[in-house]
Amino acid sequence: MKLAPRIVLETATSTTDLNSLLHDEARKLGLDAIGVARLGSSSELAARLDYFLKDGRHGDMDWMEENAERRGNPHQLWPEAKTAIMVGQSYAPPADPLDALEQSDRGVISVYAKGRDYHDIIKKKIKALARTFAAKSGADVKVFVDTAPLMEKPLAMKAGLGWQGKHTVLVSREHGSWLFLGAILTTAELSPDAAEVSHCGSCSRCLDVCPTKAFPAPYQLDARRCIAYLSIEYKGHIAPEFRAAMGNRVFGCDDCLAVCPWNKFAAAATEMRFAAQPGTDNPPLADLLALDDAAFRHRFAGTPVKRTGRNRVVRNALIAAGNSGDRSLLPQIESLLDDDSPLVRAMAIWSTKRLMSAAEITPLQARYEPIETDPEVAREWAMPVEGHAA
């Protein structure tokens, strides 16, 4: 939402109007949206979260289950808190990120991860805003940027910043699907802004475009089928049924975000630190396949990609290589058949099988399968691969 709602401190000792303070400071800091919500538990949200977890849709993100009770009620996180000041920062790309899916020789990195880590950038801004607010109001504050069991999207909707679309991501009338969120919880009792309502209507573009059919129904996500989860959070061997659908995506997936019609109102992000860096702007697959741990850390230093680690990113790059049809990558792929990481070795096998003929694979299998010690990797040698070269 635009930086315009009236925010008033309502206490027995002060009637100071904090609207100008919060909004002026937000503008100075380069934040794009701000709104206020009263805190309280929501039985509906708690029930939806409970269903999501009990159905196992969170995959191996065990931290979600461990903090489920606190996620459903912010007062479990901080009993004294009365209000949430929700802020948003646009990271809208200058061009359609889906165009990169046609460049099969490159590994597509999600828009949010091409620049500097948003946690660091936004948290500094929100801390500065919180310090100014606390000094003026005398209230206690705590700052959160995706670092605590706080359900930012429902709070942002309650604060009027946008609504949760059918793809479960927050959608803004001004910024489309491209908003980073942060929160300031405070003991101050502020006048809340009007909650936003859904404007999705009958549109189902985000659901229809998903390559792995990760949405069982509108407003529901099964993370176990989501390419963003599989390529970033999932630590295991990606199931064969999802590999071809991953295409050349090596870190995240923007499909459901990019097709949202509300993006037509979103101007490109003005925070230049979110802009793609030369080494992270959908790099060539050949570059990614060549990364050892030191080179990986150097290339992705300061970006969200670094947290996932070299082995998972190379695992994903091998899947992209197998989908590319580019046999010039085979020497690099073969060199990874004896990589230290089982994740890498397994996907090097799959990628090799996708690009080689059966006759070419036979001598490699005879060489590597007898010495393989990891059972998951050994199974990869035994599995047939549809669509390998004739």
Protein backbone atom coordinates (compact mmCIF):
# COMPACT_ATOMS: atom_id res chain seq x y z
CA MET A 1 0.00 0.00 0.00
CA LYS A 2 1.08 3.61 -0.41
CA LEU A 3 2.75 5.41 2.47
CA ALA A 4 -0.29 7.39 3.50
CA PRO A 5 -2.33 5.80 6.35
CA ARG A 6 -2.82 7.80 9.51
CA ILE A 7 -1.09 6.25 12.52
CA VAL A 8 -1.83 7.70 15.95
CA LEU A 9 -0.38 6.75 19.33
CA GLU A 10 -3.28 6.12 21.68
CA THR A 11 -2.17 6.05 25.30
CA ALA A 12 -3.34 7.69 28.50
CA THR A 13 -0.36 10.05 28.49
CA SER A 14 0.13 10.98 24.84
CA THR A 15 -1.86 11.84 21.75
CA THR A 16 1.21 12.46 19.61
CA ASP A 17 0.49 11.88 15.95
CA LEU A 18 3.13 9.43 14.73
CA ASN A 19 1.96 9.34 11.12
CA SER A 20 4.52 11.83 9.81
CA LEU A 21 7.30 10.29 11.86
CA LEU A 22 6.83 6.75 10.61
CA HIS A 23 6.11 7.65 7.02
CA ASP A 24 8.81 10.26 6.65
CA GLU A 25 11.39 7.94 8.15
CA ALA A 26 10.21 5.06 5.95
CA ARG A 27 10.63 7.21 2.85
CA LYS A 28 14.08 8.37 3.94
CA LEU A 29 15.11 4.76 4.44
CA GLY A 30 13.82 3.73 1.02
CA LEU A 31 11.04 1.50 2.29
CA ASP A 32 8.10 1.17 -0.08
CA ALA A 33 5.10 0.31 2.10
CA ILE A 34 4.01 0.57 5.72
CA GLY A 35 0.91 -0.32 7.71
CA VAL A 36 -0.25 -1.09 11.23
CA ALA A 37 -2.10 -4.11 12.63
CA ARG A 38 -3.31 -4.93 16.11
CA LEU A 39 -1.90 -8.18 17.38
CA GLY A 40 -4.07 -11.08 18.38
CA SER A 41 -4.44 -14.79 17.87
CA SER A 42 -6.30 -16.08 14.85
CA SER A 43 -8.03 -19.43 15.13
CA GLU A 44 -8.41 -19.55 11.34
CA LEU A 45 -4.71 -19.02 10.70
CA ALA A 46 -3.76 -21.48 13.41
CA ALA A 47 -6.09 -24.08 11.89
CA ARG A 48 -4.66 -23.56 8.39
CA LEU A 49 -1.13 -23.88 9.68
CA ASP A 50 -2.04 -27.00 11.63
CA TYR A 51 -3.55 -28.60 8.50
CA PHE A 52 -0.46 -27.68 6.46
CA LEU A 53 1.84 -29.28 9.01
CA LYS A 54 -0.23 -32.38 9.76
CA ASP A 55 -0.46 -33.12 6.04
CA GLY A 56 3.33 -32.96 5.85
CA ARG A 57 3.30 -30.17 3.29
CA HIS A 58 6.26 -28.45 4.97
CA GLY A 59 8.58 -31.25 3.85
CA ASP A 60 11.68 -31.47 6.01
CA MET A 61 11.40 -27.88 7.29
CA ASP A 62 11.08 -29.18 10.84
CA TRP A 63 11.53 -25.72 12.32
CA MET A 64 8.01 -24.84 11.18
CA GLU A 65 6.51 -27.66 13.21
CA GLU A 66 8.66 -26.94 16.26
CA ASN A 67 7.39 -23.34 16.44
CA ALA A 68 3.82 -23.93 15.27
CA GLU A 69 2.13 -22.71 18.46
CA ARG A 70 4.02 -19.41 18.42
CA ARG A 71 3.38 -18.90 14.70
CA GLY A 72 -0.37 -19.06 15.25
CA ASN A 73 -0.28 -16.40 17.99
CA PRO A 74 2.28 -13.57 18.08
CA HIS A 75 1.64 -13.12 21.79
CA GLN A 76 3.35 -16.46 22.31
CA LEU A 77 6.43 -14.77 20.88
CA TRP A 78 6.13 -11.58 22.97
CA PRO A 79 3.17 -11.39 25.39
CA GLU A 80 3.55 -7.63 25.99
CA ALA A 81 3.33 -6.68 22.31
CA LYS A 82 0.20 -4.81 21.25
CA THR A 83 0.86 -3.74 17.67
CA ALA A 84 2.72 -4.79 14.54
CA ILE A 85 4.16 -2.13 12.26
CA MET A 86 4.54 -3.96 8.95
CA VAL A 87 6.89 -2.68 6.27
CA GLY A 88 7.52 -3.73 2.69
CA GLN A 89 10.43 -3.30 0.31
CA SER A 90 10.01 -3.88 -3.42
CA TYR A 91 12.44 -6.11 -5.28
CA ALA A 92 10.53 -6.03 -8.57
CA PRO A 93 12.77 -7.00 -11.52
CA PRO A 94 13.25 -4.70 -14.51
CA ALA A 95 12.27 -7.46 -16.98
CA ASP A 96 10.22 -10.66 -17.06
CA PRO A 97 12.29 -13.32 -15.24
CA LEU A 98 10.54 -16.09 -17.18
CA ASP A 99 12.43 -15.13 -20.33
CA ALA A 100 15.54 -16.75 -18.86
CA LEU A 101 13.88 -20.16 -18.90
CA GLU A 102 14.52 -20.24 -22.64
CA GLN A 103 18.30 -19.96 -22.12
CA SER A 104 19.04 -23.63 -21.52
CA ASP A 105 22.78 -23.03 -21.24
CA ARG A 106 22.29 -20.89 -18.13
CA GLY A 107 21.18 -21.63 -14.60
CA VAL A 108 18.22 -19.50 -13.56
CA ILE A 109 18.45 -17.92 -10.12
CA SER A 110 15.35 -16.49 -8.47
CA VAL A 111 15.03 -12.71 -8.66
CA TYR A 112 15.22 -12.25 -4.88
CA ALA A 113 18.59 -14.03 -4.66
CA LYS A 114 20.54 -12.27 -7.42
CA GLY A 115 21.51 -9.28 -5.29
CA ARG A 116 22.67 -8.74 -1.74
CA ASP A 117 20.95 -10.69 1.01
CA TYR A 118 17.67 -8.95 1.76
CA HIS A 119 17.77 -9.94 5.44
CA ASP A 120 20.76 -7.69 6.06
CA ILE A 121 19.56 -4.76 3.97
CA ILE A 122 15.98 -4.60 5.24
CA LYS A 123 16.83 -5.33 8.85
CA LYS A 124 19.17 -2.34 9.02
CA LYS A 125 16.43 -0.11 7.64
CA ILE A 126 13.76 -1.42 9.99
CA LYS A 127 16.07 -1.17 12.99
CA ALA A 128 16.66 2.49 12.15
CA LEU A 129 12.90 3.06 11.87
CA ALA A 130 12.30 1.20 15.14
CA ARG A 131 14.92 3.26 17.01
CA THR A 132 13.32 6.51 15.88
CA PHE A 133 9.86 5.26 16.77
CA ALA A 134 10.94 4.02 20.19
CA ALA A 135 12.68 7.32 20.99
CA LYS A 136 9.55 9.28 20.06
CA SER A 137 6.92 7.00 21.60
CA GLY A 138 8.77 5.62 24.63
CA ALA A 139 7.45 2.18 23.74
CA ASP A 140 9.44 -1.04 23.58
CA VAL A 141 10.12 -2.50 20.13
CA LYS A 142 11.43 -5.69 18.57
CA VAL A 143 12.42 -6.10 14.92
CA PHE A 144 11.82 -9.20 12.80
CA VAL A 145 12.84 -9.97 9.21
CA ASP A 146 12.09 -13.62 8.47
CA THR A 147 14.09 -14.63 11.55
CA ALA A 148 11.37 -15.66 14.02
CA PRO A 149 8.17 -17.74 14.06
CA LEU A 150 6.05 -14.78 12.95
CA MET A 151 3.48 -15.09 10.17
CA GLU A 152 4.44 -11.92 8.28
CA LYS A 153 2.08 -12.37 5.32
CA PRO A 154 -1.18 -12.56 7.32
CA LEU A 155 -0.01 -9.62 9.45
CA ALA A 156 0.87 -7.65 6.32
CA MET A 157 -2.60 -8.34 4.93
CA LYS A 158 -4.14 -7.23 8.23
CA ALA A 159 -2.03 -4.06 8.06
CA GLY A 160 -3.24 -3.30 4.54
CA LEU A 161 -0.01 -3.91 2.62
CA GLY A 162 -1.59 -6.48 0.34
CA TRP A 163 -3.34 -9.84 0.33
CA GLN A 164 -2.22 -13.44 0.14
CA GLY A 165 -2.76 -14.55 -3.43
CA LYS A 166 -3.77 -17.99 -4.57
CA HIS A 167 -0.03 -18.79 -4.74
CA THR A 168 0.11 -17.97 -0.96
CA VAL A 169 2.51 -15.05 -1.55
CA LEU A 170 1.56 -11.50 -0.62
CA VAL A 171 0.26 -9.44 -3.55
CA SER A 172 0.28 -5.64 -3.50
CA ARG A 173 -1.77 -3.37 -5.72
CA GLU A 174 1.32 -1.15 -6.09
CA HIS A 175 4.14 -3.68 -6.08
CA GLY A 176 2.65 -6.91 -7.38
CA SER A 177 4.16 -10.11 -6.00
CA TRP A 178 7.57 -8.54 -5.37
CA LEU A 179 7.63 -7.40 -1.73
CA PHE A 180 10.07 -8.30 1.00
CA LEU A 181 8.41 -8.01 4.41
CA GLY A 182 9.59 -7.04 7.85
CA ALA A 183 7.91 -6.29 11.16
CA ILE A 184 8.32 -4.09 14.20
CA LEU A 185 6.41 -5.42 17.18
CA THR A 186 5.77 -2.80 19.84
CA THR A 187 4.08 -2.34 23.19
CA ALA A 188 2.50 0.86 21.85
CA GLU A 189 -1.20 0.74 21.03
CA LEU A 190 -1.56 2.29 17.58
CA SER A 191 -4.64 2.82 15.47
CA PRO A 192 -4.75 -0.04 12.98
CA ASP A 193 -5.01 0.41 9.23
CA ALA A 194 -7.79 -1.17 7.23
CA ALA A 195 -7.03 -4.73 6.26
CA GLU A 196 -6.64 -5.49 2.57
CA VAL A 197 -9.00 -7.91 0.84
CA SER A 198 -8.26 -10.34 -1.95
CA HIS A 199 -8.34 -9.03 -5.51
CA CYS A 200 -7.49 -12.31 -7.22
CA GLY A 201 -11.01 -12.84 -8.51
CA SER A 202 -11.30 -15.79 -10.88
CA CYS A 203 -7.66 -15.56 -12.02
CA SER A 204 -5.69 -18.79 -11.72
CA ARG A 205 -2.52 -17.96 -13.65
CA CYS A 206 -0.23 -18.63 -10.69
CA LEU A 207 -1.78 -22.06 -10.13
CA ASP A 208 -1.79 -23.05 -13.79
CA VAL A 209 1.84 -22.11 -14.50
CA CYS A 210 3.41 -24.22 -11.74
CA PRO A 211 5.67 -26.82 -13.43
CA THR A 212 5.28 -29.37 -10.62
CA LYS A 213 1.63 -28.76 -9.67
CA ALA A 214 2.56 -27.67 -6.16
CA PHE A 215 -0.85 -26.09 -5.41
CA PRO A 216 -3.44 -28.69 -4.31
CA ALA A 217 -6.04 -25.90 -4.30
CA PRO A 218 -6.12 -22.10 -4.39
CA TYR A 219 -4.35 -20.59 -1.36
CA GLN A 220 -2.70 -23.92 -0.55
CA LEU A 221 0.91 -24.90 -1.21
CA ASP A 222 2.54 -28.31 -0.93
CA ALA A 223 6.19 -27.37 -0.41
CA ARG A 224 7.27 -30.93 -1.19
CA ARG A 225 6.40 -30.29 -4.83
CA CYS A 226 7.62 -26.70 -5.01
CA ILE A 227 10.78 -26.05 -7.03
CA ALA A 228 11.74 -23.20 -4.71
CA TYR A 229 11.69 -25.60 -1.76
CA LEU A 230 13.32 -28.47 -3.63
CA SER A 231 16.18 -26.37 -4.99
CA ILE A 232 16.86 -24.28 -1.87
CA GLU A 233 15.63 -25.92 1.33
CA TYR A 234 15.59 -29.62 0.49
CA LYS A 235 18.80 -31.35 1.54
CA GLY A 236 18.18 -34.71 -0.08
CA HIS A 237 18.10 -36.31 -3.51
CA ILE A 238 15.43 -34.64 -5.64
CA ALA A 239 12.88 -37.19 -6.80
CA PRO A 240 13.00 -38.17 -10.51
CA GLU A 241 9.44 -36.96 -11.09
CA PHE A 242 10.50 -33.34 -10.50
CA ARG A 243 13.82 -33.19 -12.36
CA ALA A 244 12.65 -32.57 -15.91
CA ALA A 245 10.12 -30.02 -14.64
CA MET A 246 12.92 -28.06 -12.98
CA GLY A 247 14.26 -27.14 -16.40
CA ASN A 248 17.22 -24.80 -15.91
CA ARG A 249 16.15 -23.43 -12.52
CA VAL A 250 19.09 -23.84 -10.15
CA PHE A 251 17.98 -21.67 -7.20
CA GLY A 252 14.33 -20.99 -6.59
CA CYS A 253 11.42 -20.49 -8.98
CA ASP A 254 9.61 -17.28 -9.92
CA ASP A 255 6.93 -18.71 -12.20
CA CYS A 256 3.89 -18.20 -9.98
CA LEU A 257 5.08 -14.73 -8.97
CA ALA A 258 5.98 -13.54 -12.46
CA VAL A 259 2.63 -14.34 -14.09
CA CYS A 260 0.56 -12.35 -11.59
CA PRO A 261 -1.43 -9.63 -13.47
CA TRP A 262 -0.89 -7.18 -10.61
CA ASN A 263 2.80 -7.00 -11.53
CA LYS A 264 1.88 -4.59 -14.33
CA PHE A 265 1.63 -1.87 -11.68
CA ALA A 266 5.02 -2.64 -10.17
CA ALA A 267 7.90 -0.36 -11.07
CA ALA A 268 11.41 -1.84 -10.98
CA ALA A 269 12.93 -1.83 -7.50
CA THR A 270 14.83 1.32 -6.57
CA GLU A 271 17.02 -0.41 -3.98
CA MET A 272 20.06 -1.04 -6.15
CA ARG A 273 21.59 -3.57 -3.77
CA PHE A 274 18.87 -6.00 -4.87
CA ALA A 275 20.03 -5.73 -8.49
CA ALA A 276 21.63 -8.78 -10.08
CA GLN A 277 25.39 -9.06 -9.75
CA PRO A 278 27.54 -10.26 -12.67
CA GLY A 279 28.23 -13.61 -11.02
CA THR A 280 24.60 -14.27 -10.00
CA ASP A 281 22.67 -13.10 -13.05
CA ASN A 282 21.68 -16.54 -14.35
CA PRO A 283 25.30 -17.75 -14.77
CA PRO A 284 26.34 -20.26 -17.43
CA LEU A 285 25.84 -23.86 -16.37
CA ALA A 286 29.48 -24.53 -17.26
CA ASP A 287 30.52 -22.02 -14.59
CA LEU A 288 28.30 -23.60 -11.94
CA LEU A 289 29.48 -27.14 -12.69
CA ALA A 290 33.08 -26.04 -12.21
CA LEU A 291 32.56 -24.68 -8.69
CA ASP A 292 34.42 -26.16 -5.78
CA ASP A 293 33.53 -24.97 -2.28
CA ALA A 294 35.97 -22.05 -2.22
CA ALA A 295 34.91 -20.79 -5.64
CA PHE A 296 31.25 -21.16 -4.68
CA ARG A 297 31.70 -19.09 -1.54
CA HIS A 298 33.55 -16.40 -3.42
CA ARG A 299 30.99 -16.18 -6.24
CA PHE A 300 27.92 -16.03 -4.01
CA ALA A 301 29.32 -14.14 -1.00
CA GLY A 302 26.71 -11.83 0.50
CA THR A 303 23.79 -13.35 -1.42
CA PRO A 304 21.02 -15.73 -0.27
CA VAL A 305 22.50 -18.43 -2.53
CA LYS A 306 25.51 -18.88 -0.26
CA ARG A 307 23.37 -20.25 2.60
CA THR A 308 22.24 -23.22 0.51
CA GLY A 309 25.82 -24.35 -0.05
CA ARG A 310 27.86 -25.59 -2.97
CA ASN A 311 26.66 -29.19 -3.03
CA ARG A 312 22.97 -28.41 -3.42
CA VAL A 313 23.55 -25.72 -6.01
CA VAL A 314 25.78 -28.02 -8.08
CA ARG A 315 23.16 -30.77 -7.64
CA ASN A 316 20.62 -28.39 -9.18
CA ALA A 317 23.02 -27.32 -11.93
CA LEU A 318 23.51 -30.97 -12.89
CA ILE A 319 19.75 -31.38 -13.26
CA ALA A 320 19.69 -28.27 -15.45
CA ALA A 321 22.59 -29.66 -17.50
CA GLY A 322 20.72 -32.92 -18.01
CA ASN A 323 17.72 -30.95 -19.20
CA SER A 324 19.78 -28.74 -21.52
CA GLY A 325 20.52 -31.33 -24.21
CA ASP A 326 24.02 -29.82 -24.42
CA ARG A 327 26.59 -32.61 -24.82
CA SER A 328 29.44 -30.13 -24.60
CA LEU A 329 28.84 -30.18 -20.83
CA LEU A 330 29.56 -33.92 -20.59
CA PRO A 331 33.27 -33.61 -19.65
CA GLN A 332 32.37 -31.46 -16.65
CA ILE A 333 29.47 -33.69 -15.69
CA GLU A 334 31.63 -36.82 -15.88
CA SER A 335 34.24 -35.21 -13.66
CA LEU A 336 31.59 -34.97 -10.94
CA LEU A 337 30.82 -38.70 -10.96
CA ASP A 338 33.41 -39.14 -8.21
CA ASP A 339 32.66 -35.90 -6.33
CA ASP A 340 32.86 -36.08 -2.53
CA SER A 341 29.16 -35.25 -2.19
CA PRO A 342 26.61 -38.04 -2.73
CA LEU A 343 24.10 -35.38 -3.83
CA VAL A 344 26.45 -34.31 -6.61
CA ARG A 345 27.42 -37.83 -7.66
CA ALA A 346 23.79 -38.93 -7.91
CA MET A 347 22.77 -36.04 -10.14
CA ALA A 348 25.93 -36.40 -12.23
CA ILE A 349 24.73 -39.94 -12.99
CA TRP A 350 21.25 -38.73 -13.95
CA SER A 351 22.63 -35.90 -16.05
CA THR A 352 25.06 -38.22 -17.83
CA LYS A 353 22.29 -40.67 -18.64
CA ARG A 354 20.14 -37.85 -20.03
CA LEU A 355 22.87 -36.71 -22.42
CA MET A 356 24.57 -40.00 -23.37
CA SER A 357 23.39 -42.95 -25.36
CA ALA A 358 22.94 -46.28 -23.60
CA ALA A 359 26.09 -47.58 -25.29
CA GLU A 360 28.12 -44.66 -23.93
CA ILE A 361 26.80 -45.11 -20.42
CA THR A 362 27.68 -48.81 -20.12
CA PRO A 363 31.46 -48.41 -19.61
CA LEU A 364 30.93 -45.58 -17.11
CA GLN A 365 28.50 -47.69 -15.15
CA ALA A 366 30.94 -50.60 -15.13
CA ARG A 367 33.62 -48.28 -13.79
CA TYR A 368 31.76 -46.39 -11.10
CA GLU A 369 28.87 -48.54 -9.87
CA PRO A 370 31.04 -51.29 -8.27
CA ILE A 371 32.93 -48.75 -6.13
CA GLU A 372 29.94 -46.65 -5.07
CA THR A 373 29.42 -46.74 -1.29
CA ASP A 374 26.32 -44.61 -0.92
CA PRO A 375 23.11 -46.66 -1.42
CA GLU A 376 21.14 -43.70 -2.82
CA VAL A 377 23.79 -43.06 -5.44
CA ALA A 378 24.04 -46.75 -6.26
CA ARG A 379 20.29 -46.80 -6.88
CA GLU A 380 20.74 -43.90 -9.30
CA TRP A 381 23.00 -46.08 -11.45
CA ALA A 382 20.32 -48.79 -11.55
CA MET A 383 17.44 -46.45 -12.44
CA PRO A 384 16.34 -46.04 -16.05
CA VAL A 385 16.18 -42.50 -17.38
CA GLU A 386 13.51 -41.48 -19.86
CA GLY A 387 14.61 -39.33 -22.75
CA HIS A 388 18.34 -40.15 -22.83
CA ALA A 389 20.16 -39.75 -26.13
CA ALA A 390 19.65 -42.44 -28.72
